[in-house]
Amino acid sequence: LLARVDSGGQLGAGELEELARSADILPLGMLADTARRHVHGTAVTYLR
């Protein structure tokens, strides 16, 4: 899953549902962080 996300790939509906059901959010967080870094690198924007 991590390799797929890191290359810009998308998770399937069943995989997302399984992640949503899991009580362990650390793998979910790692996948999401990898996905956001693929798009934005280390930049975080803010709006005043």
All heavy atoms as atom14 arrays in JSON, in Angstrom:
{
  "sequence": "LLARVDSGGQLGAGELEELARSADILPLGMLADTARRHVHGTAVTYLR",
  "atom14_mask": [
    [1, 1, 1, 1, 1, 1, 1, 1, 0, 0, 0, 0, 0, 0],
    [1, 1, 1, 1, 1, 1, 1, 1, 0, 0, 0, 0, 0, 0],
    [1, 1, 1, 1, 1, 0, 0, 0, 0, 0, 0, 0, 0, 0],
    [1, 1, 1, 1, 1, 1, 1, 1, 1, 1, 1, 0, 0, 0],
    [1, 1, 1, 1, 1, 1, 1, 0, 0, 0, 0, 0, 0, 0],
    [1, 1, 1, 1, 1, 1, 1, 1, 0, 0, 0, 0, 0, 0],
    [1, 1, 1, 1, 1, 1, 0, 0, 0, 0, 0, 0, 0, 0],
    [1, 1, 1, 1, 0, 0, 0, 0, 0, 0, 0, 0, 0, 0],
    [1, 1, 1, 1, 0, 0, 0, 0, 0, 0, 0, 0, 0, 0],
    [1, 1, 1, 1, 1, 1, 1, 1, 1, 0, 0, 0, 0, 0],
    [1, 1, 1, 1, 1, 1, 1, 1, 0, 0, 0, 0, 0, 0],
    [1, 1, 1, 1, 0, 0, 0, 0, 0, 0, 0, 0, 0, 0],
    [1, 1, 1, 1, 1, 0, 0, 0, 0, 0, 0, 0, 0, 0],
    [1, 1, 1, 1, 0, 0, 0, 0, 0, 0, 0, 0, 0, 0],
    [1, 1, 1, 1, 1, 1, 1, 1, 1, 0, 0, 0, 0, 0],
    [1, 1, 1, 1, 1, 1, 1, 1, 0, 0, 0, 0, 0, 0],
    [1, 1, 1, 1, 1, 1, 1, 1, 1, 0, 0, 0, 0, 0],
    [1, 1, 1, 1, 1, 1, 1, 1, 1, 0, 0, 0, 0, 0],
    [1, 1, 1, 1, 1, 1, 1, 1, 0, 0, 0, 0, 0, 0],
    [1, 1, 1, 1, 1, 0, 0, 0, 0, 0, 0, 0, 0, 0],
    [1, 1, 1, 1, 1, 1, 1, 1, 1, 1, 1, 0, 0, 0],
    [1, 1, 1, 1, 1, 1, 0, 0, 0, 0, 0, 0, 0, 0],
    [1, 1, 1, 1, 1, 0, 0, 0, 0, 0, 0, 0, 0, 0],
    [1, 1, 1, 1, 1, 1, 1, 1, 0, 0, 0, 0, 0, 0],
    [1, 1, 1, 1, 1, 1, 1, 1, 0, 0, 0, 0, 0, 0],
    [1, 1, 1, 1, 1, 1, 1, 1, 0, 0, 0, 0, 0, 0],
    [1, 1, 1, 1, 1, 1, 1, 0, 0, 0, 0, 0, 0, 0],
    [1, 1, 1, 1, 1, 1, 1, 1, 0, 0, 0, 0, 0, 0],
    [1, 1, 1, 1, 0, 0, 0, 0, 0, 0, 0, 0, 0, 0],
    [1, 1, 1, 1, 1, 1, 1, 1, 0, 0, 0, 0, 0, 0],
    [1, 1, 1, 1, 1, 1, 1, 1, 0, 0, 0, 0, 0, 0],
    [1, 1, 1, 1, 1, 0, 0, 0, 0, 0, 0, 0, 0, 0],
    [1, 1, 1, 1, 1, 1, 1, 1, 0, 0, 0, 0, 0, 0],
    [1, 1, 1, 1, 1, 1, 1, 0, 0, 0, 0, 0, 0, 0],
    [1, 1, 1, 1, 1, 0, 0, 0, 0, 0, 0, 0, 0, 0],
    [1, 1, 1, 1, 1, 1, 1, 1, 1, 1, 1, 0, 0, 0],
    [1, 1, 1, 1, 1, 1, 1, 1, 1, 1, 1, 0, 0, 0],
    [1, 1, 1, 1, 1, 1, 1, 1, 1, 1, 0, 0, 0, 0],
    [1, 1, 1, 1, 1, 1, 1, 0, 0, 0, 0, 0, 0, 0],
    [1, 1, 1, 1, 1, 1, 1, 1, 1, 1, 0, 0, 0, 0],
    [1, 1, 1, 1, 0, 0, 0, 0, 0, 0, 0, 0, 0, 0],
    [1, 1, 1, 1, 1, 1, 1, 0, 0, 0, 0, 0, 0, 0],
    [1, 1, 1, 1, 1, 0, 0, 0, 0, 0, 0, 0, 0, 0],
    [1, 1, 1, 1, 1, 1, 1, 0, 0, 0, 0, 0, 0, 0],
    [1, 1, 1, 1, 1, 1, 1, 0, 0, 0, 0, 0, 0, 0],
    [1, 1, 1, 1, 1, 1, 1, 1, 1, 1, 1, 1, 0, 0],
    [1, 1, 1, 1, 1, 1, 1, 1, 0, 0, 0, 0, 0, 0],
    [1, 1, 1, 1, 1, 1, 1, 1, 1, 1, 1, 0, 0, 0]
  ],
  "atom14_positions": [
    [[0.83, -1.2, 0.0], [0.0, 0.0, 0.0], [0.87, 1.25, 0.0], [0.6, 2.22, -0.73], [-0.92, 0.02, 1.22], [-1.99, -1.07, 1.31], [-2.79, -0.91, 2.6], [-2.91, -1.03, 0.11], [0.0, 0.0, 0.0], [0.0, 0.0, 0.0], [0.0, 0.0, 0.0], [0.0, 0.0, 0.0], [0.0, 0.0, 0.0], [0.0, 0.0, 0.0]],
    [[1.91, 1.25, 0.83], [2.79, 2.41, 0.93], [3.49, 2.69, -0.39], [3.61, 3.84, -0.83], [3.81, 2.19, 2.04], [4.65, 3.4, 2.47], [3.75, 4.49, 3.05], [5.7, 2.98, 3.49], [0.0, 0.0, 0.0], [0.0, 0.0, 0.0], [0.0, 0.0, 0.0], [0.0, 0.0, 0.0], [0.0, 0.0, 0.0], [0.0, 0.0, 0.0]],
    [[3.96, 1.64, -1.05], [4.63, 1.81, -2.33], [3.68, 2.36, -3.39], [4.06, 3.22, -4.2], [5.21, 0.47, -2.8], [0.0, 0.0, 0.0], [0.0, 0.0, 0.0], [0.0, 0.0, 0.0], [0.0, 0.0, 0.0], [0.0, 0.0, 0.0], [0.0, 0.0, 0.0], [0.0, 0.0, 0.0], [0.0, 0.0, 0.0], [0.0, 0.0, 0.0]],
    [[2.44, 1.91, -3.36], [1.46, 2.39, -4.33], [1.15, 3.87, -4.11], [1.12, 4.68, -5.04], [0.17, 1.58, -4.23], [-0.77, 1.81, -5.41], [-2.14, 1.22, -5.18], [-2.08, -0.12, -4.62], [-3.11, -0.71, -4.02], [-4.25, -0.07, -3.89], [-2.99, -1.93, -3.55], [0.0, 0.0, 0.0], [0.0, 0.0, 0.0], [0.0, 0.0, 0.0]],
    [[0.94, 4.25, -2.85], [0.65, 5.64, -2.52], [1.84, 6.53, -2.84], [1.7, 7.64, -3.36], [0.26, 5.77, -1.04], [0.21, 7.23, -0.6], [-1.09, 5.11, -0.79], [0.0, 0.0, 0.0], [0.0, 0.0, 0.0], [0.0, 0.0, 0.0], [0.0, 0.0, 0.0], [0.0, 0.0, 0.0], [0.0, 0.0, 0.0], [0.0, 0.0, 0.0]],
    [[3.04, 6.04, -2.56], [4.25, 6.83, -2.79], [4.47, 7.12, -4.27], [5.08, 8.13, -4.64], [5.46, 6.08, -2.22], [6.71, 6.94, -2.17], [6.59, 8.16, -1.95], [7.81, 6.41, -2.38], [0.0, 0.0, 0.0], [0.0, 0.0, 0.0], [0.0, 0.0, 0.0], [0.0, 0.0, 0.0], [0.0, 0.0, 0.0], [0.0, 0.0, 0.0]],
    [[3.94, 6.27, -5.13], [4.09, 6.47, -6.57], [2.91, 7.22, -7.16], [2.82, 7.37, -8.38], [4.24, 5.12, -7.28], [3.08, 4.32, -7.1], [0.0, 0.0, 0.0], [0.0, 0.0, 0.0], [0.0, 0.0, 0.0], [0.0, 0.0, 0.0], [0.0, 0.0, 0.0], [0.0, 0.0, 0.0], [0.0, 0.0, 0.0], [0.0, 0.0, 0.0]],
    [[2.0, 7.7, -6.29], [0.84, 8.44, -6.77], [-0.36, 7.59, -7.07], [-1.35, 8.09, -7.63], [0.0, 0.0, 0.0], [0.0, 0.0, 0.0], [0.0, 0.0, 0.0], [0.0, 0.0, 0.0], [0.0, 0.0, 0.0], [0.0, 0.0, 0.0], [0.0, 0.0, 0.0], [0.0, 0.0, 0.0], [0.0, 0.0, 0.0], [0.0, 0.0, 0.0]],
    [[-0.32, 6.32, -6.69], [-1.45, 5.43, -6.93], [-2.56, 5.64, -5.93], [-2.4, 6.3, -4.9], [0.0, 0.0, 0.0], [0.0, 0.0, 0.0], [0.0, 0.0, 0.0], [0.0, 0.0, 0.0], [0.0, 0.0, 0.0], [0.0, 0.0, 0.0], [0.0, 0.0, 0.0], [0.0, 0.0, 0.0], [0.0, 0.0, 0.0], [0.0, 0.0, 0.0]],
    [[-3.71, 5.04, -6.2], [-4.89, 5.2, -5.37], [-5.27, 3.88, -4.71], [-5.1, 2.81, -5.3], [-6.06, 5.72, -6.21], [-7.29, 6.1, -5.39], [-8.31, 6.85, -6.23], [-8.08, 7.15, -7.39], [-9.45, 7.16, -5.63], [0.0, 0.0, 0.0], [0.0, 0.0, 0.0], [0.0, 0.0, 0.0], [0.0, 0.0, 0.0], [0.0, 0.0, 0.0]],
    [[-5.77, 3.96, -3.5], [-6.24, 2.77, -2.8], [-7.66, 2.44, -3.25], [-8.44, 3.32, -3.6], [-6.21, 3.0, -1.29], [-4.86, 3.38, -0.68], [-4.96, 3.42, 0.84], [-3.76, 2.4, -1.11], [0.0, 0.0, 0.0], [0.0, 0.0, 0.0], [0.0, 0.0, 0.0], [0.0, 0.0, 0.0], [0.0, 0.0, 0.0], [0.0, 0.0, 0.0]],
    [[-7.99, 1.15, -3.21], [-9.32, 0.72, -3.59], [-10.32, 0.94, -2.47], [-9.96, 1.16, -1.31], [0.0, 0.0, 0.0], [0.0, 0.0, 0.0], [0.0, 0.0, 0.0], [0.0, 0.0, 0.0], [0.0, 0.0, 0.0], [0.0, 0.0, 0.0], [0.0, 0.0, 0.0], [0.0, 0.0, 0.0], [0.0, 0.0, 0.0], [0.0, 0.0, 0.0]],
    [[-11.61, 0.86, -2.81], [-12.67, 1.1, -1.84], [-12.58, 0.12, -0.67], [-12.74, 0.5, 0.5], [-14.03, 0.99, -2.52], [0.0, 0.0, 0.0], [0.0, 0.0, 0.0], [0.0, 0.0, 0.0], [0.0, 0.0, 0.0], [0.0, 0.0, 0.0], [0.0, 0.0, 0.0], [0.0, 0.0, 0.0], [0.0, 0.0, 0.0], [0.0, 0.0, 0.0]],
    [[-12.31, -1.17, -0.96], [-12.2, -2.15, 0.1], [-11.03, -1.88, 1.03], [-11.13, -2.05, 2.25], [0.0, 0.0, 0.0], [0.0, 0.0, 0.0], [0.0, 0.0, 0.0], [0.0, 0.0, 0.0], [0.0, 0.0, 0.0], [0.0, 0.0, 0.0], [0.0, 0.0, 0.0], [0.0, 0.0, 0.0], [0.0, 0.0, 0.0], [0.0, 0.0, 0.0]],
    [[-9.91, -1.44, 0.46], [-8.74, -1.13, 1.28], [-9.0, 0.08, 2.18], [-8.6, 0.09, 3.35], [-7.54, -0.87, 0.37], [-7.08, -2.12, -0.37], [-6.15, -1.82, -1.53], [-6.24, -0.71, -2.1], [-5.35, -2.7, -1.89], [0.0, 0.0, 0.0], [0.0, 0.0, 0.0], [0.0, 0.0, 0.0], [0.0, 0.0, 0.0], [0.0, 0.0, 0.0]],
    [[-9.69, 1.08, 1.64], [-10.02, 2.26, 2.44], [-10.99, 1.89, 3.57], [-10.86, 2.38, 4.69], [-10.64, 3.33, 1.55], [-9.66, 4.01, 0.57], [-10.43, 4.77, -0.5], [-8.72, 4.94, 1.34], [0.0, 0.0, 0.0], [0.0, 0.0, 0.0], [0.0, 0.0, 0.0], [0.0, 0.0, 0.0], [0.0, 0.0, 0.0], [0.0, 0.0, 0.0]],
    [[-11.97, 1.04, 3.27], [-12.91, 0.62, 4.29], [-12.21, -0.16, 5.4], [-12.52, 0.0, 6.59], [-14.02, -0.23, 3.66], [-14.96, 0.58, 2.79], [-15.91, -0.3, 1.99], [-15.82, -1.55, 2.16], [-16.71, 0.23, 1.21], [0.0, 0.0, 0.0], [0.0, 0.0, 0.0], [0.0, 0.0, 0.0], [0.0, 0.0, 0.0], [0.0, 0.0, 0.0]],
    [[-11.24, -0.98, 5.03], [-10.49, -1.75, 6.02], [-9.66, -0.82, 6.9], [-9.59, -0.99, 8.13], [-9.61, -2.78, 5.33], [-9.01, -3.81, 6.28], [-8.36, -4.96, 5.54], [-8.47, -5.02, 4.3], [-7.75, -5.81, 6.22], [0.0, 0.0, 0.0], [0.0, 0.0, 0.0], [0.0, 0.0, 0.0], [0.0, 0.0, 0.0], [0.0, 0.0, 0.0]],
    [[-9.04, 0.18, 6.3], [-8.27, 1.16, 7.08], [-9.2, 1.95, 8.0], [-8.84, 2.27, 9.14], [-7.54, 2.1, 6.13], [-6.32, 1.52, 5.41], [-5.9, 2.44, 4.27], [-5.16, 1.32, 6.38], [0.0, 0.0, 0.0], [0.0, 0.0, 0.0], [0.0, 0.0, 0.0], [0.0, 0.0, 0.0], [0.0, 0.0, 0.0], [0.0, 0.0, 0.0]],
    [[-10.38, 2.28, 7.53], [-11.33, 3.04, 8.33], [-11.83, 2.25, 9.53], [-12.1, 2.81, 10.6], [-12.51, 3.49, 7.47], [0.0, 0.0, 0.0], [0.0, 0.0, 0.0], [0.0, 0.0, 0.0], [0.0, 0.0, 0.0], [0.0, 0.0, 0.0], [0.0, 0.0, 0.0], [0.0, 0.0, 0.0], [0.0, 0.0, 0.0], [0.0, 0.0, 0.0]],
    [[-11.95, 0.93, 9.36], [-12.43, 0.08, 10.46], [-11.36, -0.17, 11.51], [-11.66, -0.45, 12.67], [-12.92, -1.27, 9.91], [-14.23, -1.21, 9.17], [-14.79, -2.61, 8.97], [-13.87, -3.47, 8.23], [-13.88, -3.63, 6.91], [-14.76, -2.95, 6.18], [-13.03, -4.43, 6.31], [0.0, 0.0, 0.0], [0.0, 0.0, 0.0], [0.0, 0.0, 0.0]],
    [[-10.11, -0.07, 11.13], [-9.03, -0.42, 12.04], [-8.91, 0.59, 13.17], [-9.04, 1.81, 12.96], [-7.7, -0.48, 11.27], [-6.62, -0.69, 12.16], [0.0, 0.0, 0.0], [0.0, 0.0, 0.0], [0.0, 0.0, 0.0], [0.0, 0.0, 0.0], [0.0, 0.0, 0.0], [0.0, 0.0, 0.0], [0.0, 0.0, 0.0], [0.0, 0.0, 0.0]],
    [[-8.65, 0.1, 14.38], [-8.44, 0.99, 15.53], [-7.02, 1.55, 15.55], [-6.74, 2.52, 16.26], [-8.71, 0.24, 16.83], [0.0, 0.0, 0.0], [0.0, 0.0, 0.0], [0.0, 0.0, 0.0], [0.0, 0.0, 0.0], [0.0, 0.0, 0.0], [0.0, 0.0, 0.0], [0.0, 0.0, 0.0], [0.0, 0.0, 0.0], [0.0, 0.0, 0.0]],
    [[-6.13, 0.97, 14.76], [-4.75, 1.43, 14.7], [-4.63, 2.49, 13.62], [-4.68, 2.19, 12.42], [-3.82, 0.25, 14.39], [-2.34, 0.63, 14.43], [-2.04, 1.81, 14.7], [-1.5, -0.26, 14.19], [0.0, 0.0, 0.0], [0.0, 0.0, 0.0], [0.0, 0.0, 0.0], [0.0, 0.0, 0.0], [0.0, 0.0, 0.0], [0.0, 0.0, 0.0]],
    [[-4.48, 3.75, 14.03], [-4.45, 4.83, 13.05], [-3.04, 5.17, 12.57], [-2.88, 5.98, 11.64], [-5.12, 6.11, 13.59], [-4.38, 6.63, 14.83], [-6.58, 5.87, 13.87], [-4.9, 7.98, 15.29], [0.0, 0.0, 0.0], [0.0, 0.0, 0.0], [0.0, 0.0, 0.0], [0.0, 0.0, 0.0], [0.0, 0.0, 0.0], [0.0, 0.0, 0.0]],
    [[-2.02, 4.56, 13.15], [-0.66, 4.9, 12.73], [-0.37, 4.49, 11.28], [0.19, 5.29, 10.52], [0.36, 4.28, 13.69], [0.35, 4.89, 15.11], [1.42, 4.23, 15.97], [0.55, 6.39, 15.06], [0.0, 0.0, 0.0], [0.0, 0.0, 0.0], [0.0, 0.0, 0.0], [0.0, 0.0, 0.0], [0.0, 0.0, 0.0], [0.0, 0.0, 0.0]],
    [[-0.72, 3.27, 10.85], [-0.51, 2.95, 9.43], [-1.29, 3.88, 8.51], [-0.79, 4.29, 7.46], [-1.02, 1.51, 9.32], [-0.87, 0.95, 10.7], [-1.19, 2.09, 11.61], [0.0, 0.0, 0.0], [0.0, 0.0, 0.0], [0.0, 0.0, 0.0], [0.0, 0.0, 0.0], [0.0, 0.0, 0.0], [0.0, 0.0, 0.0], [0.0, 0.0, 0.0]],
    [[-2.52, 4.22, 8.91], [-3.33, 5.15, 8.13], [-2.64, 6.5, 8.02], [-2.57, 7.1, 6.94], [-4.7, 5.3, 8.78], [-5.69, 6.28, 8.15], [-6.05, 5.83, 6.74], [-6.93, 6.41, 9.01], [0.0, 0.0, 0.0], [0.0, 0.0, 0.0], [0.0, 0.0, 0.0], [0.0, 0.0, 0.0], [0.0, 0.0, 0.0], [0.0, 0.0, 0.0]],
    [[-2.1, 6.96, 9.14], [-1.39, 8.24, 9.14], [-0.16, 8.22, 8.27], [0.13, 9.19, 7.55], [0.0, 0.0, 0.0], [0.0, 0.0, 0.0], [0.0, 0.0, 0.0], [0.0, 0.0, 0.0], [0.0, 0.0, 0.0], [0.0, 0.0, 0.0], [0.0, 0.0, 0.0], [0.0, 0.0, 0.0], [0.0, 0.0, 0.0], [0.0, 0.0, 0.0]],
    [[0.59, 7.13, 8.29], [1.78, 7.01, 7.46], [1.43, 7.04, 5.98], [2.12, 7.68, 5.18], [2.54, 5.74, 7.81], [3.18, 5.75, 9.19], [3.97, 4.16, 9.61], [5.27, 4.11, 8.36], [0.0, 0.0, 0.0], [0.0, 0.0, 0.0], [0.0, 0.0, 0.0], [0.0, 0.0, 0.0], [0.0, 0.0, 0.0], [0.0, 0.0, 0.0]],
    [[0.37, 6.35, 5.61], [-0.06, 6.35, 4.21], [-0.49, 7.75, 3.78], [-0.13, 8.21, 2.69], [-1.21, 5.36, 4.02], [-0.86, 3.88, 4.14], [-2.14, 3.04, 4.23], [-0.03, 3.43, 2.94], [0.0, 0.0, 0.0], [0.0, 0.0, 0.0], [0.0, 0.0, 0.0], [0.0, 0.0, 0.0], [0.0, 0.0, 0.0], [0.0, 0.0, 0.0]],
    [[-1.27, 8.42, 4.64], [-1.76, 9.76, 4.29], [-0.62, 10.76, 4.21], [-0.6, 11.63, 3.33], [-2.8, 10.21, 5.32], [0.0, 0.0, 0.0], [0.0, 0.0, 0.0], [0.0, 0.0, 0.0], [0.0, 0.0, 0.0], [0.0, 0.0, 0.0], [0.0, 0.0, 0.0], [0.0, 0.0, 0.0], [0.0, 0.0, 0.0], [0.0, 0.0, 0.0]],
    [[0.34, 10.64, 5.12], [1.49, 11.56, 5.09], [2.31, 11.34, 3.82], [2.78, 12.31, 3.19], [2.36, 11.34, 6.33], [3.54, 12.29, 6.37], [3.31, 13.51, 6.42], [4.69, 11.83, 6.36], [0.0, 0.0, 0.0], [0.0, 0.0, 0.0], [0.0, 0.0, 0.0], [0.0, 0.0, 0.0], [0.0, 0.0, 0.0], [0.0, 0.0, 0.0]],
    [[2.47, 10.1, 3.42], [3.18, 9.81, 2.19], [2.45, 10.4, 0.98], [3.06, 10.97, 0.08], [3.32, 8.28, 2.01], [4.08, 7.75, 3.1], [4.02, 7.94, 0.71], [0.0, 0.0, 0.0], [0.0, 0.0, 0.0], [0.0, 0.0, 0.0], [0.0, 0.0, 0.0], [0.0, 0.0, 0.0], [0.0, 0.0, 0.0], [0.0, 0.0, 0.0]],
    [[1.12, 10.3, 0.99], [0.32, 10.84, -0.12], [0.43, 12.35, -0.18], [0.57, 12.92, -1.28], [-1.13, 10.41, 0.03], [0.0, 0.0, 0.0], [0.0, 0.0, 0.0], [0.0, 0.0, 0.0], [0.0, 0.0, 0.0], [0.0, 0.0, 0.0], [0.0, 0.0, 0.0], [0.0, 0.0, 0.0], [0.0, 0.0, 0.0], [0.0, 0.0, 0.0]],
    [[0.37, 13.03, 0.95], [0.45, 14.5, 0.91], [1.85, 14.97, 0.52], [1.99, 15.97, -0.16], [-0.01, 15.12, 2.23], [0.8, 14.8, 3.47], [1.88, 15.78, 3.86], [1.37, 17.1, 4.04], [2.03, 18.2, 3.71], [3.25, 18.1, 3.21], [1.52, 19.38, 3.9], [0.0, 0.0, 0.0], [0.0, 0.0, 0.0], [0.0, 0.0, 0.0]],
    [[2.88, 14.25, 0.92], [4.24, 14.63, 0.53], [4.47, 14.4, -0.96], [5.25, 15.11, -1.6], [5.27, 13.85, 1.36], [5.34, 14.31, 2.81], [6.29, 13.46, 3.63], [6.25, 13.78, 5.04], [7.01, 14.71, 5.63], [7.88, 15.4, 4.9], [6.9, 14.95, 6.92], [0.0, 0.0, 0.0], [0.0, 0.0, 0.0], [0.0, 0.0, 0.0]],
    [[3.78, 13.41, -1.52], [3.88, 13.18, -2.97], [3.36, 14.38, -3.75], [3.87, 14.73, -4.82], [3.08, 11.93, -3.35], [3.11, 11.62, -4.81], [4.17, 10.99, -5.43], [2.2, 11.86, -5.8], [3.92, 10.86, -6.72], [2.73, 11.38, -6.97], [0.0, 0.0, 0.0], [0.0, 0.0, 0.0], [0.0, 0.0, 0.0], [0.0, 0.0, 0.0]],
    [[2.34, 15.06, -3.21], [1.72, 16.2, -3.9], [2.38, 17.51, -3.51], [2.66, 18.36, -4.37], [0.21, 16.26, -3.57], [-0.42, 17.48, -4.24], [-0.48, 14.99, -4.01], [0.0, 0.0, 0.0], [0.0, 0.0, 0.0], [0.0, 0.0, 0.0], [0.0, 0.0, 0.0], [0.0, 0.0, 0.0], [0.0, 0.0, 0.0], [0.0, 0.0, 0.0]],
    [[2.67, 17.7, -2.22], [3.09, 19.01, -1.71], [4.5, 19.06, -1.16], [4.95, 20.14, -0.75], [2.11, 19.47, -0.61], [0.71, 19.63, -1.08], [0.29, 20.71, -1.82], [-0.38, 18.83, -0.91], [-1.0, 20.59, -2.09], [-1.43, 19.45, -1.56], [0.0, 0.0, 0.0], [0.0, 0.0, 0.0], [0.0, 0.0, 0.0], [0.0, 0.0, 0.0]],
    [[5.18, 17.94, -1.1], [6.5, 17.95, -0.48], [6.38, 18.31, 1.0], [5.56, 17.76, 1.72], [0.0, 0.0, 0.0], [0.0, 0.0, 0.0], [0.0, 0.0, 0.0], [0.0, 0.0, 0.0], [0.0, 0.0, 0.0], [0.0, 0.0, 0.0], [0.0, 0.0, 0.0], [0.0, 0.0, 0.0], [0.0, 0.0, 0.0], [0.0, 0.0, 0.0]],
    [[7.19, 19.26, 1.45], [7.16, 19.65, 2.87], [6.43, 20.97, 3.08], [6.41, 21.5, 4.19], [8.58, 19.79, 3.42], [9.3, 20.78, 2.66], [9.32, 18.45, 3.37], [0.0, 0.0, 0.0], [0.0, 0.0, 0.0], [0.0, 0.0, 0.0], [0.0, 0.0, 0.0], [0.0, 0.0, 0.0], [0.0, 0.0, 0.0], [0.0, 0.0, 0.0]],
    [[5.81, 21.52, 2.04], [5.13, 22.82, 2.17], [3.77, 22.66, 2.83], [3.01, 21.74, 2.53], [4.96, 23.46, 0.8], [0.0, 0.0, 0.0], [0.0, 0.0, 0.0], [0.0, 0.0, 0.0], [0.0, 0.0, 0.0], [0.0, 0.0, 0.0], [0.0, 0.0, 0.0], [0.0, 0.0, 0.0], [0.0, 0.0, 0.0], [0.0, 0.0, 0.0]],
    [[3.46, 23.59, 3.74], [2.13, 23.7, 4.35], [1.68, 25.14, 4.18], [2.36, 26.07, 4.61], [2.15, 23.33, 5.84], [0.84, 23.73, 6.51], [2.39, 21.84, 6.02], [0.0, 0.0, 0.0], [0.0, 0.0, 0.0], [0.0, 0.0, 0.0], [0.0, 0.0, 0.0], [0.0, 0.0, 0.0], [0.0, 0.0, 0.0], [0.0, 0.0, 0.0]],
    [[0.56, 25.34, 3.53], [0.05, 26.68, 3.33], [-0.9, 27.07, 4.45], [-1.48, 26.21, 5.13], [-0.68, 26.8, 1.99], [-1.64, 25.74, 1.87], [0.29, 26.7, 0.83], [0.0, 0.0, 0.0], [0.0, 0.0, 0.0], [0.0, 0.0, 0.0], [0.0, 0.0, 0.0], [0.0, 0.0, 0.0], [0.0, 0.0, 0.0], [0.0, 0.0, 0.0]],
    [[-1.04, 28.37, 4.66], [-2.0, 28.88, 5.65], [-2.59, 30.17, 5.12], [-1.99, 30.9, 4.33], [-1.34, 29.09, 7.01], [-0.23, 30.12, 7.02], [-0.49, 31.46, 7.31], [1.09, 29.76, 6.73], [0.53, 32.39, 7.32], [2.11, 30.69, 6.75], [1.82, 32.01, 7.04], [2.83, 32.94, 7.04], [0.0, 0.0, 0.0], [0.0, 0.0, 0.0]],
    [[-3.83, 30.45, 5.56], [-4.57, 31.61, 5.09], [-4.98, 32.46, 6.27], [-5.68, 31.99, 7.18], [-5.82, 31.17, 4.32], [-6.75, 32.29, 3.85], [-6.07, 33.17, 2.81], [-8.05, 31.71, 3.31], [0.0, 0.0, 0.0], [0.0, 0.0, 0.0], [0.0, 0.0, 0.0], [0.0, 0.0, 0.0], [0.0, 0.0, 0.0], [0.0, 0.0, 0.0]],
    [[-4.57, 33.73, 6.25], [-5.0, 34.67, 7.28], [-6.32, 35.32, 6.85], [-6.41, 35.9, 5.77], [-3.93, 35.71, 7.53], [-2.71, 35.13, 8.22], [-1.83, 36.2, 8.83], [-1.0, 36.85, 7.82], [-0.18, 37.87, 8.1], [-0.13, 38.38, 9.32], [0.57, 38.39, 7.13], [0.0, 0.0, 0.0], [0.0, 0.0, 0.0], [0.0, 0.0, 0.0]]
  ]
}
